Amino acid sequence: LVPLPALPAAAPRLDDESCPPWQNWTEGQEETLRCRARGNPPPRLQCDRDGETFPAMVPHRVTRRHAGTYRCRATNELGTAAKDVTVWVECEWGRGGLGGSGGPGEVLGILGVL
């Protein structure tokens, strides 16, 4: 066996490719908060919204309450990187007791934070 050289140490990084700043989800579907941290040693990633932890890369059944801005932080011994991720939820206005039948032809809306 040939030993592999050690990778150089690197502080955490959250770039747009590994952690897109805008994500569109659909109400009723399984979606994941797509965010992965890069760095060496591998960073620990934590995302939260309104003080509550929300796990990244774990599927969730989407409701309109998922719309909003999540703060993701990646940490290793070389530092911390942080990024805001805004989730928009496409929903049917007729669902959830907001009026309308929710049937075919029901107008779709997008919920999000500006």
PDB file of N, CA and C in Angstrom:
ATOM      1  N   LEU A   1       0.831  -1.183   0.000  1.00  0.00           N
ATOM      2  CA  LEU A   1       0.000   0.000   0.000  1.00  0.00           C
ATOM      3  C   LEU A   1       0.874   1.245   0.000  1.00  0.00           C
ATOM      4  N   VAL A   2       0.419   2.220  -0.754  1.00  0.00           N
ATOM      5  CA  VAL A   2       1.128   3.488  -0.820  1.00  0.00           C
ATOM      6  C   VAL A   2       0.380   4.475   0.065  1.00  0.00           C
ATOM      7  N   PRO A   3       1.058   5.078   1.030  1.00  0.00           N
ATOM      8  CA  PRO A   3       0.358   6.032   1.890  1.00  0.00           C
ATOM      9  C   PRO A   3      -0.057   7.269   1.097  1.00  0.00           C
ATOM     10  N   LEU A   4      -1.257   7.743   1.382  1.00  0.00           N
ATOM     11  CA  LEU A   4      -1.755   8.959   0.751  1.00  0.00           C
ATOM     12  C   LEU A   4      -1.289  10.165   1.549  1.00  0.00           C
ATOM     13  N   PRO A   5      -0.920  11.241   0.871  1.00  0.00           N
ATOM     14  CA  PRO A   5      -0.525  12.437   1.614  1.00  0.00           C
ATOM     15  C   PRO A   5      -1.726  13.026   2.333  1.00  0.00           C
ATOM     16  N   ALA A   6      -1.471  13.609   3.465  1.00  0.00           N
ATOM     17  CA  ALA A   6      -2.541  14.250   4.240  1.00  0.00           C
ATOM     18  C   ALA A   6      -3.029  15.493   3.505  1.00  0.00           C
ATOM     19  N   LEU A   7      -4.328  15.710   3.563  1.00  0.00           N
ATOM     20  CA  LEU A   7      -4.886  16.921   2.967  1.00  0.00           C
ATOM     21  C   LEU A   7      -4.527  18.112   3.844  1.00  0.00           C
ATOM     22  N   PRO A   8      -4.322  19.269   3.226  1.00  0.00           N
ATOM     23  CA  PRO A   8      -4.000  20.443   4.041  1.00  0.00           C
ATOM     24  C   PRO A   8      -5.199  20.860   4.890  1.00  0.00           C
ATOM     25  N   ALA A   9      -4.909  21.413   6.035  1.00  0.00           N
ATOM     26  CA  ALA A   9      -5.973  21.902   6.915  1.00  0.00           C
ATOM     27  C   ALA A   9      -6.672  23.080   6.242  1.00  0.00           C
ATOM     28  N   ALA A  10      -7.983  23.173   6.444  1.00  0.00           N
ATOM     29  CA  ALA A  10      -8.756  24.261   5.849  1.00  0.00           C
ATOM     30  C   ALA A  10      -9.907  24.635   6.766  1.00  0.00           C
ATOM     31  N   ALA A  11     -10.119  25.928   6.923  1.00  0.00           N
ATOM     32  CA  ALA A  11     -11.251  26.432   7.705  1.00  0.00           C
ATOM     33  C   ALA A  11     -12.562  26.054   7.001  1.00  0.00           C
ATOM     34  N   PRO A  12     -13.669  26.041   7.727  1.00  0.00           N
ATOM     35  CA  PRO A  12     -14.962  25.696   7.125  1.00  0.00           C
ATOM     36  C   PRO A  12     -15.345  26.666   6.003  1.00  0.00           C
ATOM     37  N   ARG A  13     -16.084  26.126   5.052  1.00  0.00           N
ATOM     38  CA  ARG A  13     -16.569  26.916   3.925  1.00  0.00           C
ATOM     39  C   ARG A  13     -17.987  26.485   3.592  1.00  0.00           C
ATOM     40  N   LEU A  14     -18.860  27.449   3.346  1.00  0.00           N
ATOM     41  CA  LEU A  14     -20.228  27.203   2.895  1.00  0.00           C
ATOM     42  C   LEU A  14     -20.412  27.999   1.609  1.00  0.00           C
ATOM     43  N   ASP A  15     -20.169  27.365   0.458  1.00  0.00           N
ATOM     44  CA  ASP A  15     -20.305  28.090  -0.796  1.00  0.00           C
ATOM     45  C   ASP A  15     -21.681  27.836  -1.408  1.00  0.00           C
ATOM     46  N   ASP A  16     -21.997  28.584  -2.472  1.00  0.00           N
ATOM     47  CA  ASP A  16     -23.324  28.484  -3.084  1.00  0.00           C
ATOM     48  C   ASP A  16     -23.602  27.114  -3.694  1.00  0.00           C
ATOM     49  N   GLU A  17     -22.567  26.402  -4.092  1.00  0.00           N
ATOM     50  CA  GLU A  17     -22.768  25.080  -4.675  1.00  0.00           C
ATOM     51  C   GLU A  17     -23.141  24.054  -3.607  1.00  0.00           C
ATOM     52  N   SER A  18     -22.453  24.090  -2.480  1.00  0.00           N
ATOM     53  CA  SER A  18     -22.706  23.104  -1.431  1.00  0.00           C
ATOM     54  C   SER A  18     -23.815  23.532  -0.470  1.00  0.00           C
ATOM     55  N   CYS A  19     -24.164  24.808  -0.505  1.00  0.00           N
ATOM     56  CA  CYS A  19     -25.196  25.345   0.394  1.00  0.00           C
ATOM     57  C   CYS A  19     -25.923  26.484  -0.332  1.00  0.00           C
ATOM     58  N   PRO A  20     -26.859  26.131  -1.254  1.00  0.00           N
ATOM     59  CA  PRO A  20     -27.542  27.165  -2.038  1.00  0.00           C
ATOM     60  C   PRO A  20     -28.306  28.147  -1.149  1.00  0.00           C
ATOM     61  N   PRO A  21     -28.151  29.462  -1.398  1.00  0.00           N
ATOM     62  CA  PRO A  21     -28.786  30.459  -0.544  1.00  0.00           C
ATOM     63  C   PRO A  21     -30.299  30.575  -0.736  1.00  0.00           C
ATOM     64  N   TRP A  22     -30.837  30.087  -1.859  1.00  0.00           N
ATOM     65  CA  TRP A  22     -32.270  30.119  -2.143  1.00  0.00           C
ATOM     66  C   TRP A  22     -32.701  28.713  -2.507  1.00  0.00           C
ATOM     67  N   GLN A  23     -33.727  28.192  -1.819  1.00  0.00           N
ATOM     68  CA  GLN A  23     -34.204  26.849  -2.113  1.00  0.00           C
ATOM     69  C   GLN A  23     -35.722  26.877  -2.215  1.00  0.00           C
ATOM     70  N   ASN A  24     -36.253  26.229  -3.250  1.00  0.00           N
ATOM     71  CA  ASN A  24     -37.696  26.158  -3.474  1.00  0.00           C
ATOM     72  C   ASN A  24     -38.200  24.770  -3.129  1.00  0.00           C
ATOM     73  N   TRP A  25     -39.165  24.723  -2.223  1.00  0.00           N
ATOM     74  CA  TRP A  25     -39.767  23.469  -1.804  1.00  0.00           C
ATOM     75  C   TRP A  25     -41.236  23.474  -2.192  1.00  0.00           C
ATOM     76  N   THR A  26     -41.852  22.294  -2.233  1.00  0.00           N
ATOM     77  CA  THR A  26     -43.268  22.159  -2.556  1.00  0.00           C
ATOM     78  C   THR A  26     -44.002  21.555  -1.363  1.00  0.00           C
ATOM     79  N   GLU A  27     -45.055  22.226  -0.950  1.00  0.00           N
ATOM     80  CA  GLU A  27     -45.857  21.756   0.184  1.00  0.00           C
ATOM     81  C   GLU A  27     -46.341  20.333  -0.066  1.00  0.00           C
ATOM     82  N   GLY A  28     -46.208  19.480   0.958  1.00  0.00           N
ATOM     83  CA  GLY A  28     -46.659  18.092   0.880  1.00  0.00           C
ATOM     84  C   GLY A  28     -45.600  17.131   0.371  1.00  0.00           C
ATOM     85  N   GLN A  29     -44.495  17.638  -0.172  1.00  0.00           N
ATOM     86  CA  GLN A  29     -43.421  16.796  -0.689  1.00  0.00           C
ATOM     87  C   GLN A  29     -42.349  16.583   0.376  1.00  0.00           C
ATOM     88  N   GLU A  30     -41.504  15.581   0.161  1.00  0.00           N
ATOM     89  CA  GLU A  30     -40.333  15.368   1.010  1.00  0.00           C
ATOM     90  C   GLU A  30     -39.203  16.230   0.449  1.00  0.00           C
ATOM     91  N   GLU A  31     -38.632  17.089   1.269  1.00  0.00           N
ATOM     92  CA  GLU A  31     -37.539  17.964   0.848  1.00  0.00           C
ATOM     93  C   GLU A  31     -36.466  17.959   1.929  1.00  0.00           C
ATOM     94  N   THR A  32     -35.256  18.368   1.548  1.00  0.00           N
ATOM     95  CA  THR A  32     -34.165  18.487   2.515  1.00  0.00           C
ATOM     96  C   THR A  32     -33.561  19.880   2.421  1.00  0.00           C
ATOM     97  N   LEU A  33     -33.123  20.397   3.547  1.00  0.00           N
ATOM     98  CA  LEU A  33     -32.367  21.645   3.563  1.00  0.00           C
ATOM     99  C   LEU A  33     -30.973  21.285   3.050  1.00  0.00           C
ATOM    100  N   ARG A  34     -30.696  21.671   1.805  1.00  0.00           N
ATOM    101  CA  ARG A  34     -29.440  21.287   1.166  1.00  0.00           C
ATOM    102  C   ARG A  34     -28.333  22.230   1.619  1.00  0.00           C
ATOM    103  N   CYS A  35     -27.484  21.733   2.479  1.00  0.00           N
ATOM    104  CA  CYS A  35     -26.345  22.511   2.949  1.00  0.00           C
ATOM    105  C   CYS A  35     -25.278  21.546   3.443  1.00  0.00           C
ATOM    106  N   ARG A  36     -24.104  21.638   2.832  1.00  0.00           N
ATOM    107  CA  ARG A  36     -22.968  20.818   3.239  1.00  0.00           C
ATOM    108  C   ARG A  36     -21.768  21.729   3.415  1.00  0.00           C
ATOM    109  N   ALA A  37     -21.044  21.484   4.479  1.00  0.00           N
ATOM    110  CA  ALA A  37     -19.858  22.286   4.772  1.00  0.00           C
ATOM    111  C   ALA A  37     -18.622  21.590   4.229  1.00  0.00           C
ATOM    112  N   ARG A  38     -17.661  22.405   3.821  1.00  0.00           N
ATOM    113  CA  ARG A  38     -16.377  21.887   3.368  1.00  0.00           C
ATOM    114  C   ARG A  38     -15.302  22.378   4.321  1.00  0.00           C
ATOM    115  N   GLY A  39     -14.251  21.619   4.446  1.00  0.00           N
ATOM    116  CA  GLY A  39     -13.135  21.997   5.299  1.00  0.00           C
ATOM    117  C   GLY A  39     -12.389  20.768   5.760  1.00  0.00           C
ATOM    118  N   ASN A  40     -11.225  20.995   6.381  1.00  0.00           N
ATOM    119  CA  ASN A  40     -10.424  19.895   6.903  1.00  0.00           C
ATOM    120  C   ASN A  40      -9.753  20.356   8.195  1.00  0.00           C
ATOM    121  N   PRO A  41     -10.051  19.751   9.308  1.00  0.00           N
ATOM    122  CA  PRO A  41     -10.908  18.574   9.460  1.00  0.00           C
ATOM    123  C   PRO A  41     -12.372  18.892   9.109  1.00  0.00           C
ATOM    124  N   PRO A  42     -13.157  17.838   8.785  1.00  0.00           N
ATOM    125  CA  PRO A  42     -14.551  18.065   8.395  1.00  0.00           C
ATOM    126  C   PRO A  42     -15.300  18.868   9.453  1.00  0.00           C
ATOM    127  N   PRO A  43     -15.946  19.959   9.015  1.00  0.00           N
ATOM    128  CA  PRO A  43     -16.672  20.802   9.966  1.00  0.00           C
ATOM    129  C   PRO A  43     -17.959  20.154  10.472  1.00  0.00           C
ATOM    130  N   ARG A  44     -18.368  20.590  11.642  1.00  0.00           N
ATOM    131  CA  ARG A  44     -19.678  20.227  12.194  1.00  0.00           C
ATOM    132  C   ARG A  44     -20.648  21.286  11.706  1.00  0.00           C
ATOM    133  N   LEU A  45     -21.793  20.873  11.158  1.00  0.00           N
ATOM    134  CA  LEU A  45     -22.776  21.798  10.600  1.00  0.00           C
ATOM    135  C   LEU A  45     -24.021  21.821  11.466  1.00  0.00           C
ATOM    136  N   GLN A  46     -24.505  23.024  11.749  1.00  0.00           N
ATOM    137  CA  GLN A  46     -25.760  23.180  12.470  1.00  0.00           C
ATOM    138  C   GLN A  46     -26.564  24.294  11.813  1.00  0.00           C
ATOM    139  N   CYS A  47     -27.833  24.003  11.519  1.00  0.00           N
ATOM    140  CA  CYS A  47     -28.738  25.004  10.954  1.00  0.00           C
ATOM    141  C   CYS A  47     -29.888  25.214  11.930  1.00  0.00           C
ATOM    142  N   ASP A  48     -30.342  26.462  12.023  1.00  0.00           N
ATOM    143  CA  ASP A  48     -31.480  26.733  12.894  1.00  0.00           C
ATOM    144  C   ASP A  48     -32.311  27.876  12.324  1.00  0.00           C
ATOM    145  N   ARG A  49     -33.528  27.955  12.820  1.00  0.00           N
ATOM    146  CA  ARG A  49     -34.447  29.037  12.471  1.00  0.00           C
ATOM    147  C   ARG A  49     -35.215  29.392  13.727  1.00  0.00           C
ATOM    148  N   ASP A  50     -35.248  30.665  14.028  1.00  0.00           N
ATOM    149  CA  ASP A  50     -35.959  31.154  15.211  1.00  0.00           C
ATOM    150  C   ASP A  50     -35.524  30.426  16.475  1.00  0.00           C
ATOM    151  N   GLY A  51     -34.215  30.136  16.586  1.00  0.00           N
ATOM    152  CA  GLY A  51     -33.678  29.518  17.788  1.00  0.00           C
ATOM    153  C   GLY A  51     -33.862  28.011  17.890  1.00  0.00           C
ATOM    154  N   GLU A  52     -34.498  27.393  16.900  1.00  0.00           N
ATOM    155  CA  GLU A  52     -34.708  25.945  16.922  1.00  0.00           C
ATOM    156  C   GLU A  52     -33.831  25.278  15.873  1.00  0.00           C
ATOM    157  N   THR A  53     -33.147  24.202  16.269  1.00  0.00           N
ATOM    158  CA  THR A  53     -32.287  23.465  15.352  1.00  0.00           C
ATOM    159  C   THR A  53     -33.122  22.789  14.278  1.00  0.00           C
ATOM    160  N   PHE A  54     -32.644  22.869  13.041  1.00  0.00           N
ATOM    161  CA  PHE A  54     -33.298  22.209  11.908  1.00  0.00           C
ATOM    162  C   PHE A  54     -32.217  21.435  11.166  1.00  0.00           C
ATOM    163  N   PRO A  55     -32.263  20.101  11.167  1.00  0.00           N
ATOM    164  CA  PRO A  55     -31.182  19.318  10.562  1.00  0.00           C
ATOM    165  C   PRO A  55     -31.121  19.467   9.044  1.00  0.00           C
ATOM    166  N   ALA A  56     -29.921  19.725   8.547  1.00  0.00           N
ATOM    167  CA  ALA A  56     -29.699  19.775   7.102  1.00  0.00           C
ATOM    168  C   ALA A  56     -29.549  18.354   6.578  1.00  0.00           C
ATOM    169  N   MET A  57     -29.874  18.171   5.312  1.00  0.00           N
ATOM    170  CA  MET A  57     -29.703  16.907   4.600  1.00  0.00           C
ATOM    171  C   MET A  57     -30.556  15.768   5.170  1.00  0.00           C
ATOM    172  N   VAL A  58     -31.643  16.109   5.861  1.00  0.00           N
ATOM    173  CA  VAL A  58     -32.584  15.119   6.396  1.00  0.00           C
ATOM    174  C   VAL A  58     -33.946  15.416   5.770  1.00  0.00           C
ATOM    175  N   PRO A  59     -34.591  14.426   5.124  1.00  0.00           N
ATOM    176  CA  PRO A  59     -35.892  14.682   4.486  1.00  0.00           C
ATOM    177  C   PRO A  59     -36.970  15.056   5.505  1.00  0.00           C
ATOM    178  N   HIS A  60     -37.806  16.030   5.104  1.00  0.00           N
ATOM    179  CA  HIS A  60     -38.945  16.481   5.918  1.00  0.00           C
ATOM    180  C   HIS A  60     -40.159  16.605   5.004  1.00  0.00           C
ATOM    181  N   ARG A  61     -41.332  16.251   5.513  1.00  0.00           N
ATOM    182  CA  ARG A  61     -42.577  16.493   4.781  1.00  0.00           C
ATOM    183  C   ARG A  61     -42.861  17.991   4.923  1.00  0.00           C
ATOM    184  N   VAL A  62     -42.929  18.700   3.793  1.00  0.00           N
ATOM    185  CA  VAL A  62     -42.987  20.161   3.790  1.00  0.00           C
ATOM    186  C   VAL A  62     -44.385  20.686   4.084  1.00  0.00           C
ATOM    187  N   THR A  63     -44.434  21.669   4.974  1.00  0.00           N
ATOM    188  CA  THR A  63     -45.640  22.467   5.201  1.00  0.00           C
ATOM    189  C   THR A  63     -45.262  23.924   4.953  1.00  0.00           C
ATOM    190  N   ARG A  64     -46.250  24.783   4.865  1.00  0.00           N
ATOM    191  CA  ARG A  64     -45.958  26.204   4.624  1.00  0.00           C
ATOM    192  C   ARG A  64     -45.174  26.819   5.782  1.00  0.00           C
ATOM    193  N   ARG A  65     -45.203  26.192   6.957  1.00  0.00           N
ATOM    194  CA  ARG A  65     -44.426  26.707   8.095  1.00  0.00           C
ATOM    195  C   ARG A  65     -42.919  26.577   7.893  1.00  0.00           C
ATOM    196  N   HIS A  66     -42.498  25.791   6.911  1.00  0.00           N
ATOM    197  CA  HIS A  66     -41.066  25.657   6.631  1.00  0.00           C
ATOM    198  C   HIS A  66     -40.501  26.871   5.895  1.00  0.00           C
ATOM    199  N   ALA A  67     -41.365  27.715   5.329  1.00  0.00           N
ATOM    200  CA  ALA A  67     -40.889  28.899   4.612  1.00  0.00           C
ATOM    201  C   ALA A  67     -40.182  29.832   5.589  1.00  0.00           C
ATOM    202  N   GLY A  68     -39.043  30.357   5.174  1.00  0.00           N
ATOM    203  CA  GLY A  68     -38.323  31.296   6.019  1.00  0.00           C
ATOM    204  C   GLY A  68     -36.828  31.230   5.793  1.00  0.00           C
ATOM    205  N   THR A  69     -36.095  31.923   6.653  1.00  0.00           N
ATOM    206  CA  THR A  69     -34.644  31.975   6.541  1.00  0.00           C
ATOM    207  C   THR A  69     -34.002  31.156   7.648  1.00  0.00           C
ATOM    208  N   TYR A  70     -33.110  30.275   7.250  1.00  0.00           N
ATOM    209  CA  TYR A  70     -32.377  29.398   8.159  1.00  0.00           C
ATOM    210  C   TYR A  70     -30.936  29.889   8.224  1.00  0.00           C
ATOM    211  N   ARG A  71     -30.343  29.842   9.403  1.00  0.00           N
ATOM    212  CA  ARG A  71     -28.943  30.228   9.588  1.00  0.00           C
ATOM    213  C   ARG A  71     -28.136  28.949   9.770  1.00  0.00           C
ATOM    214  N   CYS A  72     -27.193  28.718   8.876  1.00  0.00           N
ATOM    215  CA  CYS A  72     -26.350  27.523   8.959  1.00  0.00           C
ATOM    216  C   CYS A  72     -24.935  27.937   9.348  1.00  0.00           C
ATOM    217  N   ARG A  73     -24.347  27.187  10.307  1.00  0.00           N
ATOM    218  CA  ARG A  73     -22.991  27.452  10.790  1.00  0.00           C
ATOM    219  C   ARG A  73     -22.166  26.179  10.709  1.00  0.00           C
ATOM    220  N   ALA A  74     -20.963  26.322  10.150  1.00  0.00           N
ATOM    221  CA  ALA A  74     -20.024  25.203  10.067  1.00  0.00           C
ATOM    222  C   ALA A  74     -18.817  25.556  10.926  1.00  0.00           C
ATOM    223  N   THR A  75     -18.396  24.621  11.773  1.00  0.00           N
ATOM    224  CA  THR A  75     -17.304  24.894  12.699  1.00  0.00           C
ATOM    225  C   THR A  75     -16.307  23.742  12.721  1.00  0.00           C
ATOM    226  N   ASN A  76     -15.034  24.095  12.694  1.00  0.00           N
ATOM    227  CA  ASN A  76     -13.964  23.148  13.021  1.00  0.00           C
ATOM    228  C   ASN A  76     -12.927  23.929  13.821  1.00  0.00           C
ATOM    229  N   GLU A  77     -11.816  23.289  14.182  1.00  0.00           N
ATOM    230  CA  GLU A  77     -10.863  23.984  15.052  1.00  0.00           C
ATOM    231  C   GLU A  77     -10.181  25.177  14.378  1.00  0.00           C
ATOM    232  N   LEU A  78     -10.363  25.337  13.067  1.00  0.00           N
ATOM    233  CA  LEU A  78      -9.749  26.463  12.358  1.00  0.00           C
ATOM    234  C   LEU A  78     -10.683  27.655  12.196  1.00  0.00           C
ATOM    235  N   GLY A  79     -11.941  27.496  12.613  1.00  0.00           N
ATOM    236  CA  GLY A  79     -12.846  28.631  12.523  1.00  0.00           C
ATOM    237  C   GLY A  79     -14.294  28.248  12.312  1.00  0.00           C
ATOM    238  N   THR A  80     -15.077  29.269  11.944  1.00  0.00           N
ATOM    239  CA  THR A  80     -16.518  29.113  11.727  1.00  0.00           C
ATOM    240  C   THR A  80     -16.919  29.869  10.470  1.00  0.00           C
ATOM    241  N   ALA A  81     -17.813  29.277   9.696  1.00  0.00           N
ATOM    242  CA  ALA A  81     -18.428  29.949   8.551  1.00  0.00           C
ATOM    243  C   ALA A  81     -19.928  29.930   8.777  1.00  0.00           C
ATOM    244  N   ALA A  82     -20.616  30.999   8.371  1.00  0.00           N
ATOM    245  CA  ALA A  82     -22.062  31.073   8.542  1.00  0.00           C
ATOM    246  C   ALA A  82     -22.705  31.547   7.245  1.00  0.00           C
ATOM    247  N   LYS A  83     -23.938  31.093   7.024  1.00  0.00           N
ATOM    248  CA  LYS A  83     -24.658  31.463   5.816  1.00  0.00           C
ATOM    249  C   LYS A  83     -26.149  31.403   6.068  1.00  0.00           C
ATOM    250  N   ASP A  84     -26.886  32.369   5.507  1.00  0.00           N
ATOM    251  CA  ASP A  84     -28.344  32.342   5.552  1.00  0.00           C
ATOM    252  C   ASP A  84     -28.866  31.623   4.321  1.00  0.00           C
ATOM    253  N   VAL A  85     -29.862  30.746   4.538  1.00  0.00           N
ATOM    254  CA  VAL A  85     -30.499  29.999   3.457  1.00  0.00           C
ATOM    255  C   VAL A  85     -31.992  30.300   3.533  1.00  0.00           C
ATOM    256  N   THR A  86     -32.548  30.863   2.454  1.00  0.00           N
ATOM    257  CA  THR A  86     -33.978  31.184   2.423  1.00  0.00           C
ATOM    258  C   THR A  86     -34.722  30.088   1.680  1.00  0.00           C
ATOM    259  N   VAL A  87     -35.754  29.552   2.332  1.00  0.00           N
ATOM    260  CA  VAL A  87     -36.597  28.507   1.750  1.00  0.00           C
ATOM    261  C   VAL A  87     -37.935  29.124   1.368  1.00  0.00           C
ATOM    262  N   TRP A  88     -38.301  28.940   0.105  1.00  0.00           N
ATOM    263  CA  TRP A  88     -39.608  29.350  -0.405  1.00  0.00           C
ATOM    264  C   TRP A  88     -40.456  28.092  -0.530  1.00  0.00           C
ATOM    265  N   VAL A  89     -41.711  28.160  -0.133  1.00  0.00           N
ATOM    266  CA  VAL A  89     -42.600  26.997  -0.209  1.00  0.00           C
ATOM    267  C   VAL A  89     -43.728  27.300  -1.180  1.00  0.00           C
ATOM    268  N   GLU A  90     -43.822  26.463  -2.228  1.00  0.00           N
ATOM    269  CA  GLU A  90     -44.937  26.565  -3.161  1.00  0.00           C
ATOM    270  C   GLU A  90     -46.099  25.817  -2.528  1.00  0.00           C
ATOM    271  N   CYS A  91     -47.238  26.499  -2.414  1.00  0.00           N
ATOM    272  CA  CYS A  91     -48.366  25.864  -1.722  1.00  0.00           C
ATOM    273  C   CYS A  91     -49.663  26.144  -2.457  1.00  0.00           C
ATOM    274  N   GLU A  92     -50.668  25.336  -2.135  1.00  0.00           N
ATOM    275  CA  GLU A  92     -52.011  25.570  -2.632  1.00  0.00           C
ATOM    276  C   GLU A  92     -52.739  26.372  -1.571  1.00  0.00           C
ATOM    277  N   TRP A  93     -53.294  27.493  -1.972  1.00  0.00           N
ATOM    278  CA  TRP A  93     -53.962  28.360  -1.000  1.00  0.00           C
ATOM    279  C   TRP A  93     -55.145  27.671  -0.351  1.00  0.00           C
ATOM    280  N   GLY A  94     -55.745  26.681  -1.019  1.00  0.00           N
ATOM    281  CA  GLY A  94     -56.916  26.007  -0.475  1.00  0.00           C
ATOM    282  C   GLY A  94     -56.612  25.053   0.654  1.00  0.00           C
ATOM    283  N   ARG A  95     -55.342  24.739   0.909  1.00  0.00           N
ATOM    284  CA  ARG A  95     -55.004  23.801   1.975  1.00  0.00           C
ATOM    285  C   ARG A  95     -54.916  24.496   3.321  1.00  0.00           C
ATOM    286  N   GLY A  96     -55.069  23.705   4.352  1.00  0.00           N
ATOM    287  CA  GLY A  96     -54.805  24.189   5.706  1.00  0.00           C
ATOM    288  C   GLY A  96     -55.826  25.162   6.236  1.00  0.00           C
ATOM    289  N   GLY A  97     -57.054  25.118   5.725  1.00  0.00           N
ATOM    290  CA  GLY A  97     -58.099  25.965   6.275  1.00  0.00           C
ATOM    291  C   GLY A  97     -57.989  27.431   5.899  1.00  0.00           C
ATOM    292  N   LEU A  98     -57.265  27.730   4.813  1.00  0.00           N
ATOM    293  CA  LEU A  98     -57.150  29.126   4.411  1.00  0.00           C
ATOM    294  C   LEU A  98     -58.179  29.497   3.355  1.00  0.00           C
ATOM    295  N   GLY A  99     -59.181  28.651   3.127  1.00  0.00           N
ATOM    296  CA  GLY A  99     -60.208  28.942   2.140  1.00  0.00           C
ATOM    297  C   GLY A  99     -59.918  28.234   0.831  1.00  0.00           C
ATOM    298  N   GLY A 100     -60.935  28.105  -0.006  1.00  0.00           N
ATOM    299  CA  GLY A 100     -60.758  27.438  -1.294  1.00  0.00           C
ATOM    300  C   GLY A 100     -60.945  25.946  -1.147  1.00  0.00           C
ATOM    301  N   SER A 101     -61.103  25.276  -2.272  1.00  0.00           N
ATOM    302  CA  SER A 101     -61.385  23.847  -2.245  1.00  0.00           C
ATOM    303  C   SER A 101     -60.129  22.997  -2.246  1.00  0.00           C
ATOM    304  N   GLY A 102     -59.014  23.574  -2.729  1.00  0.00           N
ATOM    305  CA  GLY A 102     -57.791  22.794  -2.836  1.00  0.00           C
ATOM    306  C   GLY A 102     -57.816  21.823  -3.993  1.00  0.00           C
ATOM    307  N   GLY A 103     -58.861  21.915  -4.820  1.00  0.00           N
ATOM    308  CA  GLY A 103     -58.983  21.008  -5.942  1.00  0.00           C
ATOM    309  C   GLY A 103     -58.255  21.513  -7.172  1.00  0.00           C
ATOM    310  N   PRO A 104     -58.480  20.814  -8.308  1.00  0.00           N
ATOM    311  CA  PRO A 104     -57.835  21.219  -9.551  1.00  0.00           C
ATOM    312  C   PRO A 104     -58.217  22.657  -9.897  1.00  0.00           C
ATOM    313  N   GLY A 105     -57.295  23.392 -10.408  1.00  0.00           N
ATOM    314  CA  GLY A 105     -57.558  24.773 -10.777  1.00  0.00           C
ATOM    315  C   GLY A 105     -57.340  25.749  -9.641  1.00  0.00           C
ATOM    316  N   GLU A 106     -57.084  25.253  -8.455  1.00  0.00           N
ATOM    317  CA  GLU A 106     -56.804  26.121  -7.308  1.00  0.00           C
ATOM    318  C   GLU A 106     -55.506  26.882  -7.570  1.00  0.00           C
ATOM    319  N   VAL A 107     -55.469  28.137  -7.245  1.00  0.00           N
ATOM    320  CA  VAL A 107     -54.284  28.961  -7.485  1.00  0.00           C
ATOM    321  C   VAL A 107     -53.167  28.564  -6.543  1.00  0.00           C
ATOM    322  N   LEU A 108     -51.955  28.429  -7.086  1.00  0.00           N
ATOM    323  CA  LEU A 108     -50.785  28.141  -6.273  1.00  0.00           C
ATOM    324  C   LEU A 108     -50.139  29.438  -5.849  1.00  0.00           C
ATOM    325  N   GLY A 109     -49.558  29.442  -4.693  1.00  0.00           N
ATOM    326  CA  GLY A 109     -48.832  30.616  -4.222  1.00  0.00           C
ATOM    327  C   GLY A 109     -47.458  30.228  -3.743  1.00  0.00           C
ATOM    328  N   ILE A 110     -46.623  31.217  -3.546  1.00  0.00           N
ATOM    329  CA  ILE A 110     -45.279  30.993  -3.030  1.00  0.00           C
ATOM    330  C   ILE A 110     -45.154  31.767  -1.729  1.00  0.00           C
ATOM    331  N   LEU A 111     -44.728  31.092  -0.690  1.00  0.00           N
ATOM    332  CA  LEU A 111     -44.463  31.742   0.601  1.00  0.00           C
ATOM    333  C   LEU A 111     -42.979  31.851   0.777  1.00  0.00           C
ATOM    334  N   GLY A 112     -42.548  32.950   1.326  1.00  0.00           N
ATOM    335  CA  GLY A 112     -41.128  33.131   1.582  1.00  0.00           C
ATOM    336  C   GLY A 112     -40.895  34.374   2.412  1.00  0.00           C
ATOM    337  N   VAL A 113     -39.659  34.741   2.564  1.00  0.00           N
ATOM    338  CA  VAL A 113     -39.278  35.899   3.352  1.00  0.00           C
ATOM    339  C   VAL A 113     -38.477  36.820   2.460  1.00  0.00           C
ATOM    340  N   LEU A 114     -38.797  38.093   2.477  1.00  0.00           N
ATOM    341  CA  LEU A 114     -38.012  39.071   1.714  1.00  0.00           C
ATOM    342  C   LEU A 114     -37.048  39.782   2.611  1.00  0.00           C
TER     343      LEU A 114
END
